[in-house]
Amino acid sequence: MSKDLEAEKKRLLNDEMFEAVTKLKKEGKIRFLALFSRPNNMEELLMTAVNAGHFDVIQPSFNS
């Protein structure tokens, strides 16, 4: 796995972000957590996001 891919996965699965999102959802300040992808390693990152189960919306990029 490339260093860039590993860094992107770490950023994507940041526990502090998920904790903050959970808190904001409970407070009614946000309703959804969305991910919008870019072309680099898109398939693997999107599957990582799907398997994480934290994202309400995942939108892949169709044009690069």
PDB file of N, CA and C in Angstrom:
ATOM      1  N   MET A   1       0.847  -1.175   0.000  1.00  0.00           N
ATOM      2  CA  MET A   1       0.000   0.000   0.000  1.00  0.00           C
ATOM      3  C   MET A   1       0.893   1.240   0.000  1.00  0.00           C
ATOM      4  N   SER A   2       0.565   2.195  -0.843  1.00  0.00           N
ATOM      5  CA  SER A   2       1.389   3.392  -0.942  1.00  0.00           C
ATOM      6  C   SER A   2       1.228   4.265   0.300  1.00  0.00           C
ATOM      7  N   LYS A   3       2.225   5.082   0.522  1.00  0.00           N
ATOM      8  CA  LYS A   3       2.203   5.987   1.671  1.00  0.00           C
ATOM      9  C   LYS A   3       1.028   6.954   1.577  1.00  0.00           C
ATOM     10  N   ASP A   4       0.745   7.440   0.353  1.00  0.00           N
ATOM     11  CA  ASP A   4      -0.378   8.356   0.163  1.00  0.00           C
ATOM     12  C   ASP A   4      -1.705   7.683   0.472  1.00  0.00           C
ATOM     13  N   LEU A   5      -1.862   6.442   0.035  1.00  0.00           N
ATOM     14  CA  LEU A   5      -3.096   5.716   0.291  1.00  0.00           C
ATOM     15  C   LEU A   5      -3.278   5.485   1.784  1.00  0.00           C
ATOM     16  N   GLU A   6      -2.226   5.118   2.448  1.00  0.00           N
ATOM     17  CA  GLU A   6      -2.295   4.899   3.896  1.00  0.00           C
ATOM     18  C   GLU A   6      -2.672   6.191   4.621  1.00  0.00           C
ATOM     19  N   ALA A   7      -2.104   7.308   4.201  1.00  0.00           N
ATOM     20  CA  ALA A   7      -2.422   8.608   4.811  1.00  0.00           C
ATOM     21  C   ALA A   7      -3.877   8.976   4.564  1.00  0.00           C
ATOM     22  N   GLU A   8      -4.377   8.709   3.366  1.00  0.00           N
ATOM     23  CA  GLU A   8      -5.777   9.006   3.043  1.00  0.00           C
ATOM     24  C   GLU A   8      -6.721   8.136   3.874  1.00  0.00           C
ATOM     25  N   LYS A   9      -6.389   6.872   4.052  1.00  0.00           N
ATOM     26  CA  LYS A   9      -7.230   5.994   4.876  1.00  0.00           C
ATOM     27  C   LYS A   9      -7.242   6.460   6.329  1.00  0.00           C
ATOM     28  N   LYS A  10      -6.088   6.878   6.815  1.00  0.00           N
ATOM     29  CA  LYS A  10      -6.005   7.370   8.194  1.00  0.00           C
ATOM     30  C   LYS A  10      -6.875   8.615   8.368  1.00  0.00           C
ATOM     31  N   ARG A  11      -6.822   9.514   7.386  1.00  0.00           N
ATOM     32  CA  ARG A  11      -7.635  10.725   7.442  1.00  0.00           C
ATOM     33  C   ARG A  11      -9.121  10.390   7.327  1.00  0.00           C
ATOM     34  N   LEU A  12      -9.450   9.453   6.468  1.00  0.00           N
ATOM     35  CA  LEU A  12     -10.829   9.049   6.241  1.00  0.00           C
ATOM     36  C   LEU A  12     -11.458   8.403   7.472  1.00  0.00           C
ATOM     37  N   LEU A  13     -10.661   7.655   8.226  1.00  0.00           N
ATOM     38  CA  LEU A  13     -11.171   6.899   9.374  1.00  0.00           C
ATOM     39  C   LEU A  13     -10.776   7.526  10.709  1.00  0.00           C
ATOM     40  N   ASN A  14     -10.672   8.831  10.745  1.00  0.00           N
ATOM     41  CA  ASN A  14     -10.243   9.552  11.942  1.00  0.00           C
ATOM     42  C   ASN A  14     -11.307   9.453  13.042  1.00  0.00           C
ATOM     43  N   ASP A  15     -10.955   8.804  14.146  1.00  0.00           N
ATOM     44  CA  ASP A  15     -11.900   8.606  15.247  1.00  0.00           C
ATOM     45  C   ASP A  15     -12.382   9.916  15.846  1.00  0.00           C
ATOM     46  N   GLU A  16     -11.512  10.915  15.937  1.00  0.00           N
ATOM     47  CA  GLU A  16     -11.914  12.207  16.495  1.00  0.00           C
ATOM     48  C   GLU A  16     -12.993  12.855  15.630  1.00  0.00           C
ATOM     49  N   MET A  17     -12.880  12.713  14.316  1.00  0.00           N
ATOM     50  CA  MET A  17     -13.894  13.250  13.422  1.00  0.00           C
ATOM     51  C   MET A  17     -15.229  12.545  13.655  1.00  0.00           C
ATOM     52  N   PHE A  18     -15.200  11.216  13.750  1.00  0.00           N
ATOM     53  CA  PHE A  18     -16.440  10.471  13.957  1.00  0.00           C
ATOM     54  C   PHE A  18     -17.083  10.831  15.294  1.00  0.00           C
ATOM     55  N   GLU A  19     -16.283  11.031  16.328  1.00  0.00           N
ATOM     56  CA  GLU A  19     -16.815  11.438  17.630  1.00  0.00           C
ATOM     57  C   GLU A  19     -17.467  12.812  17.540  1.00  0.00           C
ATOM     58  N   ALA A  20     -16.811  13.734  16.849  1.00  0.00           N
ATOM     59  CA  ALA A  20     -17.363  15.080  16.684  1.00  0.00           C
ATOM     60  C   ALA A  20     -18.670  15.044  15.894  1.00  0.00           C
ATOM     61  N   VAL A  21     -18.703  14.241  14.838  1.00  0.00           N
ATOM     62  CA  VAL A  21     -19.914  14.129  14.018  1.00  0.00           C
ATOM     63  C   VAL A  21     -21.055  13.535  14.842  1.00  0.00           C
ATOM     64  N   THR A  22     -20.772  12.521  15.620  1.00  0.00           N
ATOM     65  CA  THR A  22     -21.799  11.915  16.471  1.00  0.00           C
ATOM     66  C   THR A  22     -22.369  12.946  17.436  1.00  0.00           C
ATOM     67  N   LYS A  23     -21.509  13.726  18.048  1.00  0.00           N
ATOM     68  CA  LYS A  23     -21.948  14.772  18.982  1.00  0.00           C
ATOM     69  C   LYS A  23     -22.797  15.814  18.264  1.00  0.00           C
ATOM     70  N   LEU A  24     -22.340  16.269  17.104  1.00  0.00           N
ATOM     71  CA  LEU A  24     -23.084  17.275  16.352  1.00  0.00           C
ATOM     72  C   LEU A  24     -24.439  16.761  15.888  1.00  0.00           C
ATOM     73  N   LYS A  25     -24.506  15.486  15.516  1.00  0.00           N
ATOM     74  CA  LYS A  25     -25.788  14.898  15.131  1.00  0.00           C
ATOM     75  C   LYS A  25     -26.744  14.868  16.321  1.00  0.00           C
ATOM     76  N   LYS A  26     -26.249  14.452  17.489  1.00  0.00           N
ATOM     77  CA  LYS A  26     -27.091  14.405  18.693  1.00  0.00           C
ATOM     78  C   LYS A  26     -27.604  15.788  19.057  1.00  0.00           C
ATOM     79  N   GLU A  27     -26.792  16.814  18.825  1.00  0.00           N
ATOM     80  CA  GLU A  27     -27.180  18.197  19.125  1.00  0.00           C
ATOM     81  C   GLU A  27     -28.078  18.788  18.043  1.00  0.00           C
ATOM     82  N   GLY A  28     -28.286  18.070  16.979  1.00  0.00           N
ATOM     83  CA  GLY A  28     -29.136  18.546  15.899  1.00  0.00           C
ATOM     84  C   GLY A  28     -28.477  19.585  15.006  1.00  0.00           C
ATOM     85  N   LYS A  29     -27.165  19.699  15.080  1.00  0.00           N
ATOM     86  CA  LYS A  29     -26.454  20.702  14.298  1.00  0.00           C
ATOM     87  C   LYS A  29     -26.120  20.233  12.888  1.00  0.00           C
ATOM     88  N   ILE A  30     -26.016  18.933  12.704  1.00  0.00           N
ATOM     89  CA  ILE A  30     -25.844  18.361  11.371  1.00  0.00           C
ATOM     90  C   ILE A  30     -26.728  17.134  11.271  1.00  0.00           C
ATOM     91  N   ARG A  31     -27.047  16.755  10.050  1.00  0.00           N
ATOM     92  CA  ARG A  31     -27.887  15.578   9.855  1.00  0.00           C
ATOM     93  C   ARG A  31     -27.139  14.431   9.206  1.00  0.00           C
ATOM     94  N   PHE A  32     -26.152  14.742   8.375  1.00  0.00           N
ATOM     95  CA  PHE A  32     -25.486  13.700   7.601  1.00  0.00           C
ATOM     96  C   PHE A  32     -23.983  13.917   7.561  1.00  0.00           C
ATOM     97  N   LEU A  33     -23.248  12.823   7.393  1.00  0.00           N
ATOM     98  CA  LEU A  33     -21.818  12.860   7.119  1.00  0.00           C
ATOM     99  C   LEU A  33     -21.635  12.338   5.705  1.00  0.00           C
ATOM    100  N   ALA A  34     -21.061  13.173   4.852  1.00  0.00           N
ATOM    101  CA  ALA A  34     -20.909  12.811   3.449  1.00  0.00           C
ATOM    102  C   ALA A  34     -19.439  12.722   3.068  1.00  0.00           C
ATOM    103  N   LEU A  35     -19.174  11.919   2.067  1.00  0.00           N
ATOM    104  CA  LEU A  35     -17.836  11.773   1.506  1.00  0.00           C
ATOM    105  C   LEU A  35     -17.934  11.989   0.008  1.00  0.00           C
ATOM    106  N   PHE A  36     -17.123  12.886  -0.496  1.00  0.00           N
ATOM    107  CA  PHE A  36     -17.021  13.124  -1.932  1.00  0.00           C
ATOM    108  C   PHE A  36     -15.611  12.739  -2.332  1.00  0.00           C
ATOM    109  N   SER A  37     -15.498  11.859  -3.302  1.00  0.00           N
ATOM    110  CA  SER A  37     -14.195  11.286  -3.639  1.00  0.00           C
ATOM    111  C   SER A  37     -13.500  12.052  -4.748  1.00  0.00           C
ATOM    112  N   ARG A  38     -12.228  11.744  -4.871  1.00  0.00           N
ATOM    113  CA  ARG A  38     -11.442  12.214  -6.006  1.00  0.00           C
ATOM    114  C   ARG A  38     -10.775  10.993  -6.626  1.00  0.00           C
ATOM    115  N   PRO A  39     -10.233  11.113  -7.818  1.00  0.00           N
ATOM    116  CA  PRO A  39      -9.795   9.927  -8.559  1.00  0.00           C
ATOM    117  C   PRO A  39      -8.677   9.079  -7.954  1.00  0.00           C
ATOM    118  N   ASN A  40      -7.745   9.618  -7.204  1.00  0.00           N
ATOM    119  CA  ASN A  40      -6.610   8.826  -6.713  1.00  0.00           C
ATOM    120  C   ASN A  40      -7.079   7.750  -5.740  1.00  0.00           C
ATOM    121  N   ASN A  41      -6.835   6.496  -6.090  1.00  0.00           N
ATOM    122  CA  ASN A  41      -7.187   5.351  -5.239  1.00  0.00           C
ATOM    123  C   ASN A  41      -8.669   5.324  -4.887  1.00  0.00           C
ATOM    124  N   MET A  42      -9.492   5.844  -5.779  1.00  0.00           N
ATOM    125  CA  MET A  42     -10.901   6.045  -5.478  1.00  0.00           C
ATOM    126  C   MET A  42     -11.609   4.762  -5.058  1.00  0.00           C
ATOM    127  N   GLU A  43     -11.440   3.684  -5.806  1.00  0.00           N
ATOM    128  CA  GLU A  43     -12.181   2.463  -5.503  1.00  0.00           C
ATOM    129  C   GLU A  43     -11.853   1.935  -4.107  1.00  0.00           C
ATOM    130  N   GLU A  44     -10.582   1.877  -3.780  1.00  0.00           N
ATOM    131  CA  GLU A  44     -10.196   1.345  -2.464  1.00  0.00           C
ATOM    132  C   GLU A  44     -10.659   2.252  -1.332  1.00  0.00           C
ATOM    133  N   LEU A  45     -10.541   3.563  -1.511  1.00  0.00           N
ATOM    134  CA  LEU A  45     -10.974   4.495  -0.468  1.00  0.00           C
ATOM    135  C   LEU A  45     -12.493   4.469  -0.285  1.00  0.00           C
ATOM    136  N   LEU A  46     -13.222   4.380  -1.383  1.00  0.00           N
ATOM    137  CA  LEU A  46     -14.680   4.322  -1.267  1.00  0.00           C
ATOM    138  C   LEU A  46     -15.126   3.046  -0.562  1.00  0.00           C
ATOM    139  N   MET A  47     -14.499   1.933  -0.867  1.00  0.00           N
ATOM    140  CA  MET A  47     -14.850   0.681  -0.192  1.00  0.00           C
ATOM    141  C   MET A  47     -14.478   0.732   1.285  1.00  0.00           C
ATOM    142  N   THR A  48     -13.376   1.391   1.606  1.00  0.00           N
ATOM    143  CA  THR A  48     -13.004   1.582   3.010  1.00  0.00           C
ATOM    144  C   THR A  48     -14.083   2.382   3.728  1.00  0.00           C
ATOM    145  N   ALA A  49     -14.565   3.436   3.077  1.00  0.00           N
ATOM    146  CA  ALA A  49     -15.612   4.266   3.666  1.00  0.00           C
ATOM    147  C   ALA A  49     -16.918   3.484   3.834  1.00  0.00           C
ATOM    148  N   VAL A  50     -17.288   2.721   2.825  1.00  0.00           N
ATOM    149  CA  VAL A  50     -18.513   1.916   2.907  1.00  0.00           C
ATOM    150  C   VAL A  50     -18.412   0.933   4.059  1.00  0.00           C
ATOM    151  N   ASN A  51     -17.297   0.240   4.150  1.00  0.00           N
ATOM    152  CA  ASN A  51     -17.113  -0.764   5.206  1.00  0.00           C
ATOM    153  C   ASN A  51     -17.017  -0.158   6.595  1.00  0.00           C
ATOM    154  N   ALA A  52     -16.618   1.107   6.697  1.00  0.00           N
ATOM    155  CA  ALA A  52     -16.533   1.773   8.000  1.00  0.00           C
ATOM    156  C   ALA A  52     -17.916   1.974   8.603  1.00  0.00           C
ATOM    157  N   GLY A  53     -18.919   2.193   7.743  1.00  0.00           N
ATOM    158  CA  GLY A  53     -20.287   2.318   8.228  1.00  0.00           C
ATOM    159  C   GLY A  53     -20.628   3.642   8.887  1.00  0.00           C
ATOM    160  N   HIS A  54     -19.786   4.653   8.766  1.00  0.00           N
ATOM    161  CA  HIS A  54     -20.030   5.939   9.419  1.00  0.00           C
ATOM    162  C   HIS A  54     -20.636   6.982   8.493  1.00  0.00           C
ATOM    163  N   PHE A  55     -20.521   6.782   7.200  1.00  0.00           N
ATOM    164  CA  PHE A  55     -20.923   7.809   6.248  1.00  0.00           C
ATOM    165  C   PHE A  55     -22.366   7.594   5.807  1.00  0.00           C
ATOM    166  N   ASP A  56     -23.127   8.689   5.793  1.00  0.00           N
ATOM    167  CA  ASP A  56     -24.522   8.632   5.363  1.00  0.00           C
ATOM    168  C   ASP A  56     -24.637   8.738   3.845  1.00  0.00           C
ATOM    169  N   VAL A  57     -23.713   9.474   3.238  1.00  0.00           N
ATOM    170  CA  VAL A  57     -23.714   9.696   1.796  1.00  0.00           C
ATOM    171  C   VAL A  57     -22.299   9.524   1.272  1.00  0.00           C
ATOM    172  N   ILE A  58     -22.153   8.787   0.188  1.00  0.00           N
ATOM    173  CA  ILE A  58     -20.852   8.644  -0.479  1.00  0.00           C
ATOM    174  C   ILE A  58     -21.073   8.923  -1.949  1.00  0.00           C
ATOM    175  N   GLN A  59     -20.395   9.960  -2.457  1.00  0.00           N
ATOM    176  CA  GLN A  59     -20.555  10.342  -3.863  1.00  0.00           C
ATOM    177  C   GLN A  59     -19.228  10.207  -4.584  1.00  0.00           C
ATOM    178  N   PRO A  60     -19.129   9.233  -5.468  1.00  0.00           N
ATOM    179  CA  PRO A  60     -17.886   9.087  -6.238  1.00  0.00           C
ATOM    180  C   PRO A  60     -17.787  10.147  -7.333  1.00  0.00           C
ATOM    181  N   SER A  61     -16.586  10.456  -7.714  1.00  0.00           N
ATOM    182  CA  SER A  61     -16.332  11.386  -8.797  1.00  0.00           C
ATOM    183  C   SER A  61     -16.505  10.647 -10.125  1.00  0.00           C
ATOM    184  N   PHE A  62     -17.253  11.233 -11.031  1.00  0.00           N
ATOM    185  CA  PHE A  62     -17.426  10.622 -12.344  1.00  0.00           C
ATOM    186  C   PHE A  62     -16.526  11.261 -13.393  1.00  0.00           C
ATOM    187  N   ASN A  63     -16.084  12.465 -13.160  1.00  0.00           N
ATOM    188  CA  ASN A  63     -15.185  13.172 -14.076  1.00  0.00           C
ATOM    189  C   ASN A  63     -13.915  13.512 -13.322  1.00  0.00           C
ATOM    190  N   SER A  64     -12.783  13.227 -13.924  1.00  0.00           N
ATOM    191  CA  SER A  64     -11.531  13.534 -13.236  1.00  0.00           C
ATOM    192  C   SER A  64     -10.764  14.623 -13.943  1.00  0.00           C
TER     193      SER A  64
END
